[in-house]
Structure formats: C-alpha cells, structure tokens
C-alpha atoms as a PDB file:
ATOM      1  CA  MET A   1      68.462 -14.592  59.319  1.00  0.00           C
ATOM      2  CA  ARG A   2      70.601 -12.537  56.983  1.00  0.00           C
ATOM      3  CA  ASN A   3      69.180  -9.153  56.044  1.00  0.00           C
ATOM      4  CA  PRO A   4      69.164  -9.011  52.213  1.00  0.00           C
ATOM      5  CA  LEU A   5      69.069  -5.191  52.282  1.00  0.00           C
ATOM      6  CA  LYS A   6      72.116  -4.861  54.505  1.00  0.00           C
ATOM      7  CA  ASN A   7      74.415  -4.409  51.545  1.00  0.00           C
ATOM      8  CA  PHE A   8      72.026  -2.285  49.505  1.00  0.00           C
ATOM      9  CA  VAL A   9      73.651   1.063  48.695  1.00  0.00           C
ATOM     10  CA  ILE A  10      72.012   3.977  46.869  1.00  0.00           C
ATOM     11  CA  THR A  11      74.406   5.963  44.757  1.00  0.00           C
ATOM     12  CA  SER A  12      74.041   9.190  42.830  1.00  0.00           C
ATOM     13  CA  GLY A  13      75.733   9.131  39.458  1.00  0.00           C
ATOM     14  CA  VAL A  14      78.486   6.660  40.584  1.00  0.00           C
ATOM     15  CA  LYS A  15      78.119   2.894  40.932  1.00  0.00           C
ATOM     16  CA  CYS A  16      79.426   1.512  44.216  1.00  0.00           C
ATOM     17  CA  ALA A  17      80.104  -2.109  44.915  1.00  0.00           C
ATOM     18  CA  PRO A  18      78.055  -3.747  47.705  1.00  0.00           C
ATOM     19  CA  VAL A  19      79.744  -4.086  51.077  1.00  0.00           C
ATOM     20  CA  ARG A  20      79.716  -7.578  52.540  1.00  0.00           C
ATOM     21  CA  GLY A  21      79.934  -8.585  56.186  1.00  0.00           C
ATOM     22  CA  ALA A  22      80.296  -5.091  57.604  1.00  0.00           C
ATOM     23  CA  VAL A  23      78.198  -2.125  58.470  1.00  0.00           C
ATOM     24  CA  THR A  24      78.439   0.534  55.748  1.00  0.00           C
ATOM     25  CA  LYS A  25      80.335   3.600  56.827  1.00  0.00           C
ATOM     26  CA  SER A  26      78.230   6.618  57.658  1.00  0.00           C
ATOM     27  CA  ARG A  27      80.018   8.678  55.023  1.00  0.00           C
ATOM     28  CA  ASP A  28      78.844   6.242  52.330  1.00  0.00           C
ATOM     29  CA  LEU A  29      75.248   6.580  53.406  1.00  0.00           C
ATOM     30  CA  LEU A  30      74.997  10.231  54.349  1.00  0.00           C
ATOM     31  CA  LEU A  31      75.498  11.601  50.860  1.00  0.00           C
ATOM     32  CA  PRO A  32      72.913   9.452  49.062  1.00  0.00           C
ATOM     33  CA  PHE A  33      70.331   9.580  51.839  1.00  0.00           C
ATOM     34  CA  SER A  34      70.897  13.305  52.274  1.00  0.00           C
ATOM     35  CA  LEU A  35      70.176  13.669  48.581  1.00  0.00           C
ATOM     36  CA  ALA A  36      67.122  11.460  48.853  1.00  0.00           C
ATOM     37  CA  SER A  37      65.933  13.483  51.816  1.00  0.00           C
ATOM     38  CA  ARG A  38      66.254  16.690  49.862  1.00  0.00           C
ATOM     39  CA  VAL A  39      64.264  15.170  47.035  1.00  0.00           C
ATOM     40  CA  LEU A  40      61.521  14.114  49.414  1.00  0.00           C
ATOM     41  CA  VAL A  41      61.442  17.540  51.040  1.00  0.00           C
ATOM     42  CA  LEU A  42      61.204  19.287  47.680  1.00  0.00           C
ATOM     43  CA  ALA A  43      58.487  16.936  46.573  1.00  0.00           C
ATOM     44  CA  ALA A  44      56.582  17.474  49.802  1.00  0.00           C
ATOM     45  CA  ILE A  45      56.832  21.242  49.420  1.00  0.00           C
ATOM     46  CA  GLY A  46      55.638  21.112  45.830  1.00  0.00           C
ATOM     47  CA  LEU A  47      52.750  18.837  46.660  1.00  0.00           C
ATOM     48  CA  SER A  48      51.752  20.890  49.670  1.00  0.00           C
ATOM     49  CA  LEU A  49      51.715  24.084  47.599  1.00  0.00           C
ATOM     50  CA  PHE A  50      49.684  22.399  44.915  1.00  0.00           C
ATOM     51  CA  ALA A  51      47.287  21.009  47.476  1.00  0.00           C
ATOM     52  CA  ALA A  52      47.073  24.371  49.196  1.00  0.00           C
ATOM     53  CA  ALA A  53      45.937  26.108  46.030  1.00  0.00           C
ATOM     54  CA  PRO A  54      42.408  24.677  46.069  1.00  0.00           C
ATOM     55  CA  ARG A  55      42.179  25.262  49.823  1.00  0.00           C
ATOM     56  CA  ALA A  56      43.343  28.846  49.430  1.00  0.00           C
ATOM     57  CA  SER A  57      40.958  29.485  46.600  1.00  0.00           C
ATOM     58  CA  ALA A  58      38.184  27.989  48.654  1.00  0.00           C
ATOM     59  CA  GLN A  59      38.976  30.467  51.412  1.00  0.00           C
ATOM     60  CA  LEU A  60      39.106  33.305  48.936  1.00  0.00           C
ATOM     61  CA  MET A  61      35.779  32.479  47.361  1.00  0.00           C
ATOM     62  CA  ASP A  62      32.218  32.466  48.434  1.00  0.00           C
ATOM     63  CA  PRO A  63      31.744  28.923  49.826  1.00  0.00           C
ATOM     64  CA  THR A  64      28.478  28.551  47.931  1.00  0.00           C
ATOM     65  CA  GLN A  65      30.219  28.900  44.572  1.00  0.00           C
ATOM     66  CA  ASN A  66      32.000  26.352  42.429  1.00  0.00           C
ATOM     67  CA  LEU A  67      35.783  26.500  42.302  1.00  0.00           C
ATOM     68  CA  GLY A  68      36.925  29.195  39.919  1.00  0.00           C
ATOM     69  CA  GLY A  69      33.471  30.796  39.620  1.00  0.00           C
ATOM     70  CA  ARG A  70      32.277  34.158  40.780  1.00  0.00           C
ATOM     71  CA  PRO A  71      29.914  34.809  43.645  1.00  0.00           C
ATOM     72  CA  GLU A  72      26.568  36.142  42.515  1.00  0.00           C
ATOM     73  CA  LEU A  73      27.440  39.646  43.690  1.00  0.00           C
ATOM     74  CA  LEU A  74      30.374  39.764  41.275  1.00  0.00           C
ATOM     75  CA  LYS A  75      28.396  38.857  38.180  1.00  0.00           C
ATOM     76  CA  ASP A  76      28.084  42.511  37.216  1.00  0.00           C
ATOM     77  CA  VAL A  77      31.369  43.733  38.699  1.00  0.00           C
ATOM     78  CA  GLY A  78      34.215  44.595  36.365  1.00  0.00           C
ATOM     79  CA  VAL A  79      35.750  47.242  34.128  1.00  0.00           C
ATOM     80  CA  ASP A  80      34.625  48.310  30.660  1.00  0.00           C
ATOM     81  CA  GLN A  81      37.362  50.198  28.870  1.00  0.00           C
ATOM     82  CA  LYS A  82      35.768  53.346  27.504  1.00  0.00           C
ATOM     83  CA  LEU A  83      38.818  54.738  25.812  1.00  0.00           C
ATOM     84  CA  ASN A  84      38.437  58.151  24.184  1.00  0.00           C
ATOM     85  CA  ASP A  85      35.161  58.777  26.040  1.00  0.00           C
ATOM     86  CA  GLU A  86      34.969  62.073  27.899  1.00  0.00           C
ATOM     87  CA  ILE A  87      33.870  61.986  31.516  1.00  0.00           C
ATOM     88  CA  PRO A  88      31.298  64.533  32.783  1.00  0.00           C
ATOM     89  CA  LEU A  89      33.524  67.258  34.196  1.00  0.00           C
ATOM     90  CA  ASP A  90      30.567  69.137  35.632  1.00  0.00           C
ATOM     91  CA  LEU A  91      30.004  66.505  38.342  1.00  0.00           C
ATOM     92  CA  LYS A  92      30.262  67.949  41.841  1.00  0.00           C
ATOM     93  CA  PHE A  93      32.013  66.353  44.789  1.00  0.00           C
ATOM     94  CA  ARG A  94      33.464  67.438  48.135  1.00  0.00           C
ATOM     95  CA  ASP A  95      37.208  67.783  48.452  1.00  0.00           C
ATOM     96  CA  GLU A  96      39.308  66.794  51.464  1.00  0.00           C
ATOM     97  CA  HIS A  97      38.442  70.110  53.136  1.00  0.00           C
ATOM     98  CA  GLY A  98      34.703  69.721  52.664  1.00  0.00           C
ATOM     99  CA  GLN A  99      34.495  72.298  49.871  1.00  0.00           C
ATOM    100  CA  THR A 100      32.222  71.632  46.906  1.00  0.00           C
ATOM    101  CA  VAL A 101      34.288  71.186  43.756  1.00  0.00           C
ATOM    102  CA  GLN A 102      33.716  70.259  40.130  1.00  0.00           C
ATOM    103  CA  LEU A 103      35.876  67.692  38.415  1.00  0.00           C
ATOM    104  CA  ALA A 104      36.713  70.333  35.822  1.00  0.00           C
ATOM    105  CA  GLN A 105      38.907  72.068  38.410  1.00  0.00           C
ATOM    106  CA  TYR A 106      41.479  69.263  38.123  1.00  0.00           C
ATOM    107  CA  PHE A 107      41.560  69.199  34.321  1.00  0.00           C
ATOM    108  CA  GLY A 108      42.422  71.641  31.570  1.00  0.00           C
ATOM    109  CA  SER A 109      46.209  71.808  31.513  1.00  0.00           C
ATOM    110  CA  LYS A 110      47.522  68.485  32.870  1.00  0.00           C
ATOM    111  CA  PRO A 111      46.762  64.784  32.472  1.00  0.00           C
ATOM    112  CA  VAL A 112      44.974  63.160  35.393  1.00  0.00           C
ATOM    113  CA  ILE A 113      45.249  59.780  37.079  1.00  0.00           C
ATOM    114  CA  LEU A 114      41.839  58.756  38.421  1.00  0.00           C
ATOM    115  CA  THR A 115      41.296  56.108  41.094  1.00  0.00           C
ATOM    116  CA  LEU A 116      37.945  54.887  42.396  1.00  0.00           C
ATOM    117  CA  VAL A 117      38.227  53.279  45.835  1.00  0.00           C
ATOM    118  CA  TYR A 118      36.683  53.698  49.253  1.00  0.00           C
ATOM    119  CA  TYR A 119      38.649  54.886  52.232  1.00  0.00           C
ATOM    120  CA  ASN A 120      37.452  52.363  54.810  1.00  0.00           C
ATOM    121  CA  CYS A 121      38.196  49.449  52.500  1.00  0.00           C
ATOM    122  CA  PRO A 122      39.895  46.556  54.371  1.00  0.00           C
ATOM    123  CA  MET A 123      41.304  44.995  51.218  1.00  0.00           C
ATOM    124  CA  LEU A 124      42.713  46.038  47.862  1.00  0.00           C
ATOM    125  CA  CYS A 125      41.914  49.752  47.894  1.00  0.00           C
ATOM    126  CA  THR A 126      44.861  50.402  50.179  1.00  0.00           C
ATOM    127  CA  GLN A 127      47.082  48.251  47.972  1.00  0.00           C
ATOM    128  CA  VAL A 128      45.956  50.167  44.881  1.00  0.00           C
ATOM    129  CA  LEU A 129      46.891  53.496  46.478  1.00  0.00           C
ATOM    130  CA  ASN A 130      50.122  52.097  47.930  1.00  0.00           C
ATOM    131  CA  GLY A 131      51.127  50.695  44.552  1.00  0.00           C
ATOM    132  CA  LEU A 132      50.318  53.964  42.816  1.00  0.00           C
ATOM    133  CA  ASP A 133      52.267  55.945  45.403  1.00  0.00           C
ATOM    134  CA  ARG A 134      55.326  53.676  45.021  1.00  0.00           C
ATOM    135  CA  THR A 135      55.303  54.069  41.256  1.00  0.00           C
ATOM    136  CA  LEU A 136      54.805  57.825  41.280  1.00  0.00           C
ATOM    137  CA  LYS A 137      57.726  58.266  43.661  1.00  0.00           C
ATOM    138  CA  ASN A 138      60.004  56.589  41.134  1.00  0.00           C
ATOM    139  CA  ILE A 139      59.171  58.540  37.995  1.00  0.00           C
ATOM    140  CA  PRO A 140      60.692  61.949  37.172  1.00  0.00           C
ATOM    141  CA  MET A 141      57.307  63.646  36.703  1.00  0.00           C
ATOM    142  CA  THR A 142      55.831  65.351  39.763  1.00  0.00           C
ATOM    143  CA  ILE A 143      52.288  65.410  41.119  1.00  0.00           C
ATOM    144  CA  GLY A 144      50.798  68.874  40.882  1.00  0.00           C
ATOM    145  CA  LYS A 145      53.415  70.099  38.435  1.00  0.00           C
ATOM    146  CA  ASP A 146      53.199  67.620  35.575  1.00  0.00           C
ATOM    147  CA  PHE A 147      49.924  65.826  36.334  1.00  0.00           C
ATOM    148  CA  ASN A 148      47.149  65.574  38.899  1.00  0.00           C
ATOM    149  CA  VAL A 149      45.777  62.591  40.791  1.00  0.00           C
ATOM    150  CA  VAL A 150      42.097  62.436  41.737  1.00  0.00           C
ATOM    151  CA  THR A 151      40.927  59.723  44.124  1.00  0.00           C
ATOM    152  CA  VAL A 152      37.171  59.407  44.533  1.00  0.00           C
ATOM    153  CA  SER A 153      35.383  57.357  47.175  1.00  0.00           C
ATOM    154  CA  ILE A 154      32.584  55.157  45.859  1.00  0.00           C
ATOM    155  CA  ASP A 155      31.039  55.057  49.343  1.00  0.00           C
ATOM    156  CA  PRO A 156      28.529  57.917  49.702  1.00  0.00           C
ATOM    157  CA  THR A 157      28.611  57.628  53.506  1.00  0.00           C
ATOM    158  CA  GLU A 158      32.292  58.596  53.780  1.00  0.00           C
ATOM    159  CA  ARG A 159      33.059  62.140  54.827  1.00  0.00           C
ATOM    160  CA  PRO A 160      35.780  64.719  54.045  1.00  0.00           C
ATOM    161  CA  VAL A 161      37.510  64.185  57.391  1.00  0.00           C
ATOM    162  CA  LEU A 162      38.465  60.693  56.267  1.00  0.00           C
ATOM    163  CA  ALA A 163      39.482  61.961  52.838  1.00  0.00           C
ATOM    164  CA  GLU A 164      41.703  64.572  54.489  1.00  0.00           C
ATOM    165  CA  ALA A 165      43.435  61.893  56.557  1.00  0.00           C
ATOM    166  CA  LYS A 166      44.048  59.822  53.437  1.00  0.00           C
ATOM    167  CA  GLN A 167      45.464  62.805  51.582  1.00  0.00           C
ATOM    168  CA  ALA A 168      47.817  63.653  54.432  1.00  0.00           C
ATOM    169  CA  MET A 169      49.049  60.066  54.577  1.00  0.00           C
ATOM    170  CA  TYR A 170      49.670  59.527  50.870  1.00  0.00           C
ATOM    171  CA  THR A 171      51.106  62.924  50.058  1.00  0.00           C
ATOM    172  CA  GLY A 172      53.364  62.477  53.074  1.00  0.00           C
ATOM    173  CA  MET A 173      54.495  59.093  51.781  1.00  0.00           C
ATOM    174  CA  TYR A 174      55.055  60.608  48.336  1.00  0.00           C
ATOM    175  CA  GLY A 175      57.427  63.068  49.939  1.00  0.00           C
ATOM    176  CA  ARG A 176      57.694  65.760  47.273  1.00  0.00           C
ATOM    177  CA  PRO A 177      56.673  69.341  48.017  1.00  0.00           C
ATOM    178  CA  GLY A 178      53.358  70.546  46.632  1.00  0.00           C
ATOM    179  CA  ALA A 179      51.838  67.085  46.338  1.00  0.00           C
ATOM    180  CA  ALA A 180      48.775  68.097  48.367  1.00  0.00           C
ATOM    181  CA  ASP A 181      47.950  70.641  45.655  1.00  0.00           C
ATOM    182  CA  GLY A 182      47.900  67.921  43.021  1.00  0.00           C
ATOM    183  CA  TRP A 183      46.549  64.773  44.717  1.00  0.00           C
ATOM    184  CA  HIS A 184      42.957  65.245  45.814  1.00  0.00           C
ATOM    185  CA  PHE A 185      40.720  62.869  47.741  1.00  0.00           C
ATOM    186  CA  LEU A 186      37.023  63.415  47.092  1.00  0.00           C
ATOM    187  CA  THR A 187      33.755  62.232  48.570  1.00  0.00           C
ATOM    188  CA  GLY A 188      30.325  62.634  47.075  1.00  0.00           C
ATOM    189  CA  ASP A 189      26.685  61.650  46.852  1.00  0.00           C
ATOM    190  CA  GLN A 190      25.371  58.490  45.240  1.00  0.00           C
ATOM    191  CA  PRO A 191      24.127  60.027  41.940  1.00  0.00           C
ATOM    192  CA  GLU A 192      27.462  61.729  41.195  1.00  0.00           C
ATOM    193  CA  ILE A 193      29.480  58.669  42.187  1.00  0.00           C
ATOM    194  CA  LYS A 194      27.354  56.425  39.968  1.00  0.00           C
ATOM    195  CA  ALA A 195      27.577  58.856  37.053  1.00  0.00           C
ATOM    196  CA  LEU A 196      31.375  58.989  37.258  1.00  0.00           C
ATOM    197  CA  ALA A 197      31.705  55.219  37.641  1.00  0.00           C
ATOM    198  CA  GLN A 198      29.483  54.592  34.626  1.00  0.00           C
ATOM    199  CA  ALA A 199      31.387  57.127  32.562  1.00  0.00           C
ATOM    200  CA  VAL A 200      34.709  55.326  33.123  1.00  0.00           C
ATOM    201  CA  GLY A 201      33.240  51.789  32.947  1.00  0.00           C
ATOM    202  CA  PHE A 202      33.836  51.013  36.615  1.00  0.00           C
ATOM    203  CA  ARG A 203      31.154  48.489  37.605  1.00  0.00           C
ATOM    204  CA  TYR A 204      30.871  47.805  41.329  1.00  0.00           C
ATOM    205  CA  ALA A 205      28.311  46.479  43.802  1.00  0.00           C
ATOM    206  CA  TYR A 206      27.508  46.852  47.475  1.00  0.00           C
ATOM    207  CA  ASP A 207      27.201  43.840  49.775  1.00  0.00           C
ATOM    208  CA  SER A 208      24.770  44.775  52.527  1.00  0.00           C
ATOM    209  CA  GLN A 209      25.641  41.688  54.554  1.00  0.00           C
ATOM    210  CA  SER A 210      29.340  42.526  54.907  1.00  0.00           C
ATOM    211  CA  LYS A 211      28.751  46.266  54.428  1.00  0.00           C
ATOM    212  CA  GLN A 212      31.491  46.361  51.825  1.00  0.00           C
ATOM    213  CA  PHE A 213      31.869  47.157  48.153  1.00  0.00           C
ATOM    214  CA  ALA A 214      32.841  44.629  45.520  1.00  0.00           C
ATOM    215  CA  HIS A 215      34.953  46.159  42.772  1.00  0.00           C
ATOM    216  CA  ALA A 216      37.999  45.599  40.592  1.00  0.00           C
ATOM    217  CA  SER A 217      41.395  47.206  41.172  1.00  0.00           C
ATOM    218  CA  VAL A 218      42.227  49.628  38.383  1.00  0.00           C
ATOM    219  CA  ILE A 219      43.578  53.111  37.808  1.00  0.00           C
ATOM    220  CA  MET A 220      42.745  55.272  34.797  1.00  0.00           C
ATOM    221  CA  MET A 221      44.598  57.971  32.922  1.00  0.00           C
ATOM    222  CA  LEU A 222      42.788  60.862  31.319  1.00  0.00           C
ATOM    223  CA  THR A 223      43.843  63.616  28.969  1.00  0.00           C
ATOM    224  CA  PRO A 224      43.722  67.263  30.097  1.00  0.00           C
ATOM    225  CA  GLU A 225      40.373  67.462  28.291  1.00  0.00           C
ATOM    226  CA  GLY A 226      38.949  64.632  30.414  1.00  0.00           C
ATOM    227  CA  LYS A 227      39.077  61.817  27.842  1.00  0.00           C
ATOM    228  CA  LEU A 228      39.958  58.308  28.997  1.00  0.00           C
ATOM    229  CA  SER A 229      43.404  57.531  27.660  1.00  0.00           C
ATOM    230  CA  ARG A 230      44.562  54.325  29.362  1.00  0.00           C
ATOM    231  CA  TYR A 231      43.703  51.718  32.015  1.00  0.00           C
ATOM    232  CA  PHE A 232      46.146  50.038  34.388  1.00  0.00           C
ATOM    233  CA  TYR A 233      44.987  46.953  36.275  1.00  0.00           C
ATOM    234  CA  GLY A 234      46.098  45.296  39.499  1.00  0.00           C
ATOM    235  CA  ILE A 235      48.041  46.793  42.378  1.00  0.00           C
ATOM    236  CA  GLN A 236      51.474  47.227  40.779  1.00  0.00           C
ATOM    237  CA  TYR A 237      52.028  49.659  37.956  1.00  0.00           C
ATOM    238  CA  PRO A 238      55.285  49.561  35.940  1.00  0.00           C
ATOM    239  CA  GLU A 239      57.090  52.880  36.209  1.00  0.00           C
ATOM    240  CA  ARG A 240      57.996  53.014  32.538  1.00  0.00           C
ATOM    241  CA  ASP A 241      54.424  52.346  31.429  1.00  0.00           C
ATOM    242  CA  VAL A 242      52.987  54.931  33.790  1.00  0.00           C
ATOM    243  CA  ARG A 243      55.491  57.560  32.651  1.00  0.00           C
ATOM    244  CA  LEU A 244      54.790  56.860  28.984  1.00  0.00           C
ATOM    245  CA  GLY A 245      51.067  56.789  29.689  1.00  0.00           C
ATOM    246  CA  LEU A 246      51.216  60.237  31.262  1.00  0.00           C
ATOM    247  CA  GLU A 247      53.268  61.596  28.386  1.00  0.00           C
ATOM    248  CA  GLU A 248      50.800  60.249  25.856  1.00  0.00           C
ATOM    249  CA  ALA A 249      47.794  61.481  27.828  1.00  0.00           C
ATOM    250  CA  SER A 250      49.325  64.962  28.048  1.00  0.00           C
ATOM    251  CA  GLN A 251      49.461  64.953  24.237  1.00  0.00           C
ATOM    252  CA  GLY A 252      45.873  63.776  23.946  1.00  0.00           C
ATOM    253  CA  LYS A 253      46.832  60.318  22.693  1.00  0.00           C
ATOM    254  CA  ILE A 254      44.542  57.369  23.365  1.00  0.00           C
ATOM    255  CA  SER A 255      46.007  53.885  23.895  1.00  0.00           C
ATOM    256  CA  SER A 256      44.560  50.594  22.688  1.00  0.00           C
ATOM    257  CA  PRO A 257      42.443  48.333  24.897  1.00  0.00           C
ATOM    258  CA  VAL A 258      44.429  45.858  26.974  1.00  0.00           C
ATOM    259  CA  ASP A 259      43.632  42.426  28.370  1.00  0.00           C
ATOM    260  CA  ALA A 260      43.888  42.051  32.122  1.00  0.00           C
ATOM    261  CA  ILE A 261      43.444  39.710  35.046  1.00  0.00           C
ATOM    262  CA  LEU A 262      41.108  41.526  37.396  1.00  0.00           C
ATOM    263  CA  LEU A 263      41.750  41.604  41.102  1.00  0.00           C
ATOM    264  CA  PHE A 264      38.490  41.804  42.982  1.00  0.00           C
ATOM    265  CA  CYS A 265      38.096  43.561  46.270  1.00  0.00           C
ATOM    266  CA  TYR A 266      35.329  41.751  48.076  1.00  0.00           C
ATOM    267  CA  HIS A 267      34.157  40.143  51.289  1.00  0.00           C
ATOM    268  CA  TYR A 268      36.759  40.435  54.014  1.00  0.00           C
ATOM    269  CA  ASP A 269      35.720  38.770  57.265  1.00  0.00           C
ATOM    270  CA  PRO A 270      37.535  40.457  60.199  1.00  0.00           C
ATOM    271  CA  HIS A 271      36.627  37.552  62.488  1.00  0.00           C
ATOM    272  CA  THR A 272      38.296  34.883  60.376  1.00  0.00           C
ATOM    273  CA  GLY A 273      40.795  37.059  58.550  1.00  0.00           C
ATOM    274  CA  LYS A 274      39.655  35.533  55.259  1.00  0.00           C
ATOM    275  CA  TYR A 275      38.562  37.060  51.997  1.00  0.00           C
ATOM    276  CA  GLY A 276      35.548  36.120  49.932  1.00  0.00           C
ATOM    277  CA  LEU A 277      37.134  36.289  46.494  1.00  0.00           C
ATOM    278  CA  LEU A 278      40.585  37.312  45.337  1.00  0.00           C
ATOM    279  CA  ILE A 279      42.049  36.008  42.055  1.00  0.00           C
ATOM    280  CA  SER A 280      41.471  32.365  42.915  1.00  0.00           C
ATOM    281  CA  ARG A 281      42.434  31.302  39.422  1.00  0.00           C
ATOM    282  CA  VAL A 282      45.808  32.961  39.759  1.00  0.00           C
ATOM    283  CA  ILE A 283      46.404  30.983  42.952  1.00  0.00           C
ATOM    284  CA  GLN A 284      45.458  27.746  41.190  1.00  0.00           C
ATOM    285  CA  LEU A 285      47.785  28.594  38.311  1.00  0.00           C
ATOM    286  CA  ALA A 286      50.643  29.301  40.714  1.00  0.00           C
ATOM    287  CA  GLY A 287      50.099  25.922  42.380  1.00  0.00           C
ATOM    288  CA  GLY A 288      50.052  24.171  39.015  1.00  0.00           C
ATOM    289  CA  LEU A 289      53.265  25.833  37.885  1.00  0.00           C
ATOM    290  CA  THR A 290      54.929  24.902  41.157  1.00  0.00           C
ATOM    291  CA  ILE A 291      54.174  21.205  40.799  1.00  0.00           C
ATOM    292  CA  LEU A 292      55.136  21.271  37.104  1.00  0.00           C
ATOM    293  CA  ILE A 293      58.540  22.794  37.832  1.00  0.00           C
ATOM    294  CA  GLY A 294      59.021  20.414  40.747  1.00  0.00           C
ATOM    295  CA  GLY A 295      58.125  17.443  38.565  1.00  0.00           C
ATOM    296  CA  ILE A 296      60.640  18.429  35.882  1.00  0.00           C
ATOM    297  CA  PHE A 297      63.334  18.884  38.526  1.00  0.00           C
ATOM    298  CA  LEU A 298      62.622  15.489  40.084  1.00  0.00           C
ATOM    299  CA  PHE A 299      62.613  13.798  36.669  1.00  0.00           C
ATOM    300  CA  PHE A 300      66.133  14.919  35.859  1.00  0.00           C
ATOM    301  CA  LEU A 301      67.303  14.267  39.397  1.00  0.00           C
ATOM    302  CA  PHE A 302      66.017  10.718  39.507  1.00  0.00           C
ATOM    303  CA  ARG A 303      67.364  10.000  36.027  1.00  0.00           C
ATOM    304  CA  GLY A 304      70.833  10.440  37.502  1.00  0.00           C
ATOM    305  CA  GLU A 305      70.154   8.048  40.397  1.00  0.00           C
ATOM    306  CA  HIS A 306      71.412   4.433  40.171  1.00  0.00           C
ATOM    307  CA  TYR A 307      70.205   1.638  42.365  1.00  0.00           C
ATOM    308  CA  GLU A 308      72.270  -1.484  42.808  1.00  0.00           C
ATOM    309  CA  LEU A 309      70.954  -4.558  44.526  1.00  0.00           C
ATOM    310  CA  PRO A 310      73.280  -6.808  46.530  1.00  0.00           C
ATOM    311  CA  LYS A 311      74.775  -9.734  44.746  1.00  0.00           C
ATOM    312  CA  VAL A 312      73.538 -13.086  45.874  1.00  0.00           C
END
C-alpha cells in the first residue's frame, strides 16, 4: 500500500514541491526537522519551567499553607518603615571582643548602615551580608572613614566569639585597611534586641521547632544622629543608590518610603536541603514570564512555517 505521507515535506518560509517515487534526500529533511526539533525543545523547556514554578514554591513554603500564602509564623513578620524616627542610642550590646558598648559609640559624626541578622543563619542572612560587602567594595566611600556599619544578631544565645569570626571574615573580604574599626558585629540580650528591632520596624519571630528565626532581608541607613534615613530590601543593593543614600544620610536627609518585595528567611531543613518559604510568588511570576515569552516566540516561528500535503 502506498504511504500517503511519503511525499509530505515540511518547509520553513519556502514552498517545496512534493517528491514522487523516491526517498527524500536527507538534506531536504534535516533543516525542517531540525527546526521543528528546536521548537519542541524550546517548548518543552518553557513548559517544564512553568510547571516547576508551583513545585518549587511548594518546596519553599510550609506544606500546610495554600500556594502563595504565608505560614502562620510569618503573619507578623515584616518591616515597618519608621523613617525619621530616632533609635535608642543608649541600648547596650556586646561587641566582637566581648566588651559592653552603647550604640551611641557608633554614631555622632558618620552615617551608619544597620543590619539585623543572626550569625548561625543557614539562609538569607549570609546573602544579606555578602551582598552588602560586594556593594561597599565598589563605592568610593570607605568603612570607618566615611561611614560605619553595625551588624546586630537577633539571637540572644549567640556569643562574641562568633561575632568576632564574622567580623574577621567580612572585613577581610572587604579588603580595605581600617575596616575592622568601622564594621562592628554585636550580640546582646533579648530586651535590648527587641527594643532595637521595634525601633527600626524589624518584625521577626522564632520557630522553636526548627530553632531558627523568621525575618525579612533588609538593611537600614541612619543619620549620624541615629535617625532612620532609608531602607534597602533584598540581598542586592545598587551601588549608586547606596552611595547616594549614604551621602543623604550624612546630611541628615530622610528619604521617602519605598515599596518592596520582601525576601523571607525561614525554615531551612538541613536533611532535605529545602526551605520553608522564600519569595514563592516571585518564582511563580518568573515561570509565568517564561511561558509567555516562549509562547510569543513560538507564535511568530510557527507563522512562518508552511505545510504542503502531497498531491493526489
């Protein structure tokens, strides 16, 4: 029986006459089918990314929660921008050498970048400090000379020996002389930590089951007088914005509130290597954009395809 598809040739942009009574040359078939294969591969990649978004967000969220919602622990976690509010500079902490210090020691003549993290954090805290370090290395202003950085642990069980190790690591990565005199890593007791966090609008919670803290990733800029000047969210901080923010803070200027997508640091399971919650909506959005772009590409690609059936 004659195969009616034997003479069927797919072309891309050019119409080809059907070939009768002979096997089509490989060169005639390779180009169109190679193109079709690429289309299928691209489509498969787009679909797999789109399908992976819900799975990824499911991994990154508490399994008892609806997609896109927050676990119960995160209901009260976030950041309230308290711009122009003055923090209590009389709060006492322990520096990286175990000495009792007041926050006022780091203010008075220079603007200050404040970060609230905890040193044993298995998630975003390290990324916050890494991102800050990368940015500060690439601006002309120098830690200790033009501004100070104060990093405070929100975990009251952490001790100065850990803070000292963190200071040595990050000032070493920063690489400029005198950085250890301007970037300080503090530990403290629960009342002082809570008072500072409330003063800057940093709302966090402790998960006793995982023994970890749930919090948002943010850094804050303060004027030399200790007034909140600006908030930066996420784990990457544009060099230009940070430089301008420091210049404005040094002059006592207060920026306007900004909208932000919060990254939450919460619920890392070392046994599975999975996180409880981490910007699941961003992952869903990325998957949606991927399939949208892929769909537009395929639409224009297929519009140029021509299919010609064999003549009877």
